[in-house]
């Protein structure tokens, strides 16, 4: 008969402990992953190509965008 009071006290404790488990929130490495994306560029077909309509990105811009995109991919792409 002494086991009944112990059982009555143990059941609520077990029920309450299962309610404490919560799913972990999704975490990102940086806000950069939420606000930025891979940037497209349009390199000239040849070095120092004529660009009267200003359609091509400069060699320096292309180089910078390649580096920026690589950094974004390293931080943000899931593997």
N, C-alpha and C. Protein backbone atom coordinates (compact mmCIF):
# COMPACT_ATOMS: atom_id res chain seq x y z
N UNK A 1 0.80 -1.19 0.00
CA UNK A 1 0.00 0.00 0.00
C UNK A 1 0.85 1.26 0.00
N UNK A 2 2.10 1.14 0.41
CA UNK A 2 2.95 2.32 0.44
C UNK A 2 3.40 2.74 -0.96
N UNK A 3 3.33 1.84 -1.93
CA UNK A 3 3.75 2.19 -3.29
C UNK A 3 2.75 3.11 -3.98
N UNK A 4 1.51 3.07 -3.64
CA UNK A 4 0.49 3.89 -4.29
C UNK A 4 0.78 5.39 -4.15
N UNK A 5 1.09 5.95 -2.96
CA UNK A 5 1.38 7.38 -2.89
C UNK A 5 2.62 7.76 -3.71
N UNK A 6 3.62 6.90 -3.76
CA UNK A 6 4.82 7.21 -4.54
C UNK A 6 4.49 7.23 -6.03
N UNK A 7 3.65 6.31 -6.47
CA UNK A 7 3.23 6.24 -7.86
C UNK A 7 2.43 7.49 -8.23
N UNK A 8 1.57 7.92 -7.36
CA UNK A 8 0.74 9.10 -7.59
C UNK A 8 1.62 10.35 -7.72
N UNK A 9 2.70 10.43 -6.98
CA UNK A 9 3.60 11.58 -7.08
C UNK A 9 4.50 11.49 -8.31
N UNK A 10 4.84 10.30 -8.72
CA UNK A 10 5.77 10.10 -9.83
C UNK A 10 5.12 10.38 -11.19
N UNK A 11 3.86 10.03 -11.37
CA UNK A 11 3.18 10.20 -12.65
C UNK A 11 3.16 11.67 -13.10
N UNK A 12 2.74 12.63 -12.27
CA UNK A 12 2.76 14.03 -12.73
C UNK A 12 4.16 14.52 -13.08
N UNK A 13 5.15 14.09 -12.36
CA UNK A 13 6.53 14.50 -12.65
C UNK A 13 6.95 13.99 -14.02
N UNK A 14 6.64 12.75 -14.33
CA UNK A 14 6.98 12.19 -15.63
C UNK A 14 6.23 12.88 -16.76
N UNK A 15 4.96 13.19 -16.53
CA UNK A 15 4.18 13.88 -17.55
C UNK A 15 4.70 15.30 -17.80
N UNK A 16 5.09 16.00 -16.78
CA UNK A 16 5.60 17.36 -16.93
C UNK A 16 6.97 17.37 -17.62
N UNK A 17 7.79 16.39 -17.36
CA UNK A 17 9.12 16.40 -17.96
C UNK A 17 9.07 16.17 -19.47
N UNK A 18 8.05 15.48 -19.96
CA UNK A 18 7.96 15.27 -21.41
C UNK A 18 7.49 16.54 -22.12
N UNK A 19 6.85 17.44 -21.43
CA UNK A 19 6.37 18.68 -22.03
C UNK A 19 7.49 19.71 -22.18
N UNK A 20 8.62 19.48 -21.58
CA UNK A 20 9.71 20.46 -21.63
C UNK A 20 10.50 20.41 -22.93
N UNK A 21 10.42 19.32 -23.65
CA UNK A 21 11.20 19.19 -24.88
C UNK A 21 10.66 20.11 -25.95
N UNK A 22 11.53 20.91 -26.55
CA UNK A 22 11.13 21.82 -27.61
C UNK A 22 12.05 21.61 -28.80
N UNK A 23 11.51 21.83 -29.97
CA UNK A 23 12.31 21.72 -31.17
C UNK A 23 13.27 22.90 -31.24
N UNK A 24 14.45 22.62 -31.73
CA UNK A 24 15.45 23.68 -31.85
C UNK A 24 15.10 24.55 -33.04
N UNK A 25 15.22 25.85 -32.86
CA UNK A 25 14.93 26.79 -33.94
C UNK A 25 15.97 26.66 -35.04
N UNK A 26 15.53 26.93 -36.27
CA UNK A 26 16.45 26.90 -37.40
C UNK A 26 17.45 28.04 -37.23
N UNK A 27 18.70 27.73 -37.36
CA UNK A 27 19.74 28.75 -37.19
C UNK A 27 20.46 28.97 -38.51
N UNK A 28 20.83 30.20 -38.75
CA UNK A 28 21.63 30.52 -39.91
C UNK A 28 23.00 30.96 -39.45
N UNK A 29 23.95 30.85 -40.33
CA UNK A 29 25.31 31.25 -40.00
C UNK A 29 25.38 32.76 -39.85
N UNK A 30 24.66 33.45 -40.71
CA UNK A 30 24.74 34.90 -40.74
C UNK A 30 23.47 35.45 -41.37
N UNK A 31 23.16 36.71 -41.09
CA UNK A 31 22.05 37.36 -41.77
C UNK A 31 22.33 37.50 -43.26
N UNK A 32 23.57 37.43 -43.63
CA UNK A 32 23.95 37.52 -45.04
C UNK A 32 23.21 36.47 -45.85
N UNK A 33 23.04 35.29 -45.31
CA UNK A 33 22.37 34.22 -46.02
C UNK A 33 20.90 34.53 -46.26
N UNK A 34 20.32 35.37 -45.43
CA UNK A 34 18.92 35.73 -45.58
C UNK A 34 18.72 36.92 -46.51
N UNK A 35 19.68 37.80 -46.59
CA UNK A 35 19.48 39.04 -47.33
C UNK A 35 20.20 39.10 -48.67
N UNK A 36 21.21 38.28 -48.85
CA UNK A 36 21.97 38.33 -50.10
C UNK A 36 21.78 37.05 -50.90
N UNK A 37 22.19 37.07 -52.13
CA UNK A 37 22.14 35.89 -52.98
C UNK A 37 23.32 35.94 -53.94
N UNK A 38 23.47 34.89 -54.72
CA UNK A 38 24.54 34.85 -55.72
C UNK A 38 24.24 35.92 -56.77
N UNK A 39 25.24 36.69 -57.13
CA UNK A 39 25.08 37.78 -58.09
C UNK A 39 25.55 37.31 -59.47
N UNK A 40 24.71 37.51 -60.45
CA UNK A 40 25.08 37.13 -61.83
C UNK A 40 25.89 38.26 -62.45
N UNK A 41 26.73 37.88 -63.38
CA UNK A 41 27.55 38.87 -64.09
C UNK A 41 27.64 38.47 -65.55
N UNK A 42 28.04 39.43 -66.37
CA UNK A 42 28.14 39.23 -67.81
C UNK A 42 29.53 39.66 -68.28
N UNK A 43 30.48 38.74 -68.30
CA UNK A 43 31.83 39.13 -68.72
C UNK A 43 31.91 39.39 -70.22
N UNK A 44 32.86 40.19 -70.60
CA UNK A 44 33.10 40.46 -72.02
C UNK A 44 33.59 39.18 -72.70
N UNK A 45 33.27 38.99 -73.98
CA UNK A 45 33.70 37.78 -74.68
C UNK A 45 35.22 37.68 -74.84
N UNK A 46 35.88 38.82 -74.81
CA UNK A 46 37.35 38.84 -74.94
C UNK A 46 37.88 40.01 -74.12
N UNK A 47 39.12 39.92 -73.64
CA UNK A 47 39.69 41.06 -72.90
C UNK A 47 39.67 42.33 -73.75
N UNK A 48 39.29 43.42 -73.12
CA UNK A 48 39.23 44.74 -73.77
C UNK A 48 38.33 44.74 -75.00
N UNK A 49 37.25 43.99 -74.96
CA UNK A 49 36.30 43.95 -76.09
C UNK A 49 35.53 45.25 -76.14
N UNK A 50 35.14 45.65 -77.36
CA UNK A 50 34.36 46.86 -77.55
C UNK A 50 32.97 46.64 -76.96
N UNK A 51 32.50 47.61 -76.17
CA UNK A 51 31.22 47.47 -75.48
C UNK A 51 30.44 48.78 -75.59
N UNK A 52 29.93 49.09 -76.81
CA UNK A 52 29.25 50.38 -76.99
C UNK A 52 27.93 50.47 -76.22
N UNK A 53 27.24 49.39 -75.97
CA UNK A 53 25.96 49.43 -75.25
C UNK A 53 26.11 49.20 -73.76
N UNK A 54 27.36 49.12 -73.29
CA UNK A 54 27.64 48.88 -71.87
C UNK A 54 26.90 47.64 -71.35
N UNK A 55 27.04 46.53 -72.08
CA UNK A 55 26.36 45.29 -71.74
C UNK A 55 27.21 44.37 -70.88
N UNK A 56 28.53 44.56 -70.91
CA UNK A 56 29.42 43.64 -70.22
C UNK A 56 29.96 44.27 -68.94
N UNK A 57 30.24 43.39 -67.97
CA UNK A 57 30.89 43.85 -66.74
C UNK A 57 32.39 43.91 -66.97
N UNK A 58 33.05 44.83 -66.29
CA UNK A 58 34.50 44.94 -66.43
C UNK A 58 35.18 43.71 -65.82
N UNK A 59 36.42 43.49 -66.21
CA UNK A 59 37.17 42.35 -65.69
C UNK A 59 37.29 42.43 -64.17
N UNK A 60 37.49 43.63 -63.65
CA UNK A 60 37.61 43.81 -62.20
C UNK A 60 36.29 43.50 -61.48
N UNK A 61 35.17 43.92 -62.07
CA UNK A 61 33.87 43.64 -61.49
C UNK A 61 33.60 42.13 -61.48
N UNK A 62 33.91 41.47 -62.59
CA UNK A 62 33.71 40.02 -62.67
C UNK A 62 34.55 39.31 -61.61
N UNK A 63 35.80 39.73 -61.44
CA UNK A 63 36.67 39.13 -60.44
C UNK A 63 36.08 39.31 -59.03
N UNK A 64 35.62 40.52 -58.73
CA UNK A 64 35.03 40.79 -57.41
C UNK A 64 33.76 39.97 -57.17
N UNK A 65 32.92 39.85 -58.20
CA UNK A 65 31.69 39.09 -58.04
C UNK A 65 31.96 37.59 -57.89
N UNK A 66 32.96 37.08 -58.56
CA UNK A 66 33.34 35.67 -58.39
C UNK A 66 33.76 35.43 -56.95
N UNK A 67 34.55 36.33 -56.39
CA UNK A 67 34.98 36.19 -54.99
C UNK A 67 33.80 36.31 -54.02
N UNK A 68 32.92 37.26 -54.28
CA UNK A 68 31.75 37.45 -53.41
C UNK A 68 30.84 36.22 -53.47
N UNK A 69 30.60 35.71 -54.66
CA UNK A 69 29.75 34.53 -54.79
C UNK A 69 30.36 33.31 -54.11
N UNK A 70 31.68 33.17 -54.20
CA UNK A 70 32.36 32.05 -53.54
C UNK A 70 32.22 32.16 -52.02
N UNK A 71 32.34 33.36 -51.49
CA UNK A 71 32.19 33.57 -50.05
C UNK A 71 30.75 33.27 -49.62
N UNK A 72 29.77 33.70 -50.40
CA UNK A 72 28.37 33.42 -50.08
C UNK A 72 28.11 31.93 -50.09
N UNK A 73 28.61 31.24 -51.11
CA UNK A 73 28.40 29.79 -51.19
C UNK A 73 29.04 29.07 -50.01
N UNK A 74 30.21 29.52 -49.61
CA UNK A 74 30.90 28.88 -48.48
C UNK A 74 30.08 29.03 -47.19
N UNK A 75 29.47 30.19 -47.00
CA UNK A 75 28.69 30.46 -45.79
C UNK A 75 27.29 29.85 -45.82
N UNK A 76 26.66 29.92 -46.97
CA UNK A 76 25.20 29.73 -46.99
C UNK A 76 24.68 28.45 -47.65
N UNK A 77 25.41 27.88 -48.56
CA UNK A 77 24.87 26.70 -49.24
C UNK A 77 24.89 25.50 -48.30
N UNK A 78 23.81 24.75 -48.34
CA UNK A 78 23.76 23.53 -47.54
C UNK A 78 24.49 22.43 -48.26
N UNK A 79 25.09 21.56 -47.49
CA UNK A 79 25.88 20.49 -48.12
C UNK A 79 25.20 19.18 -47.96
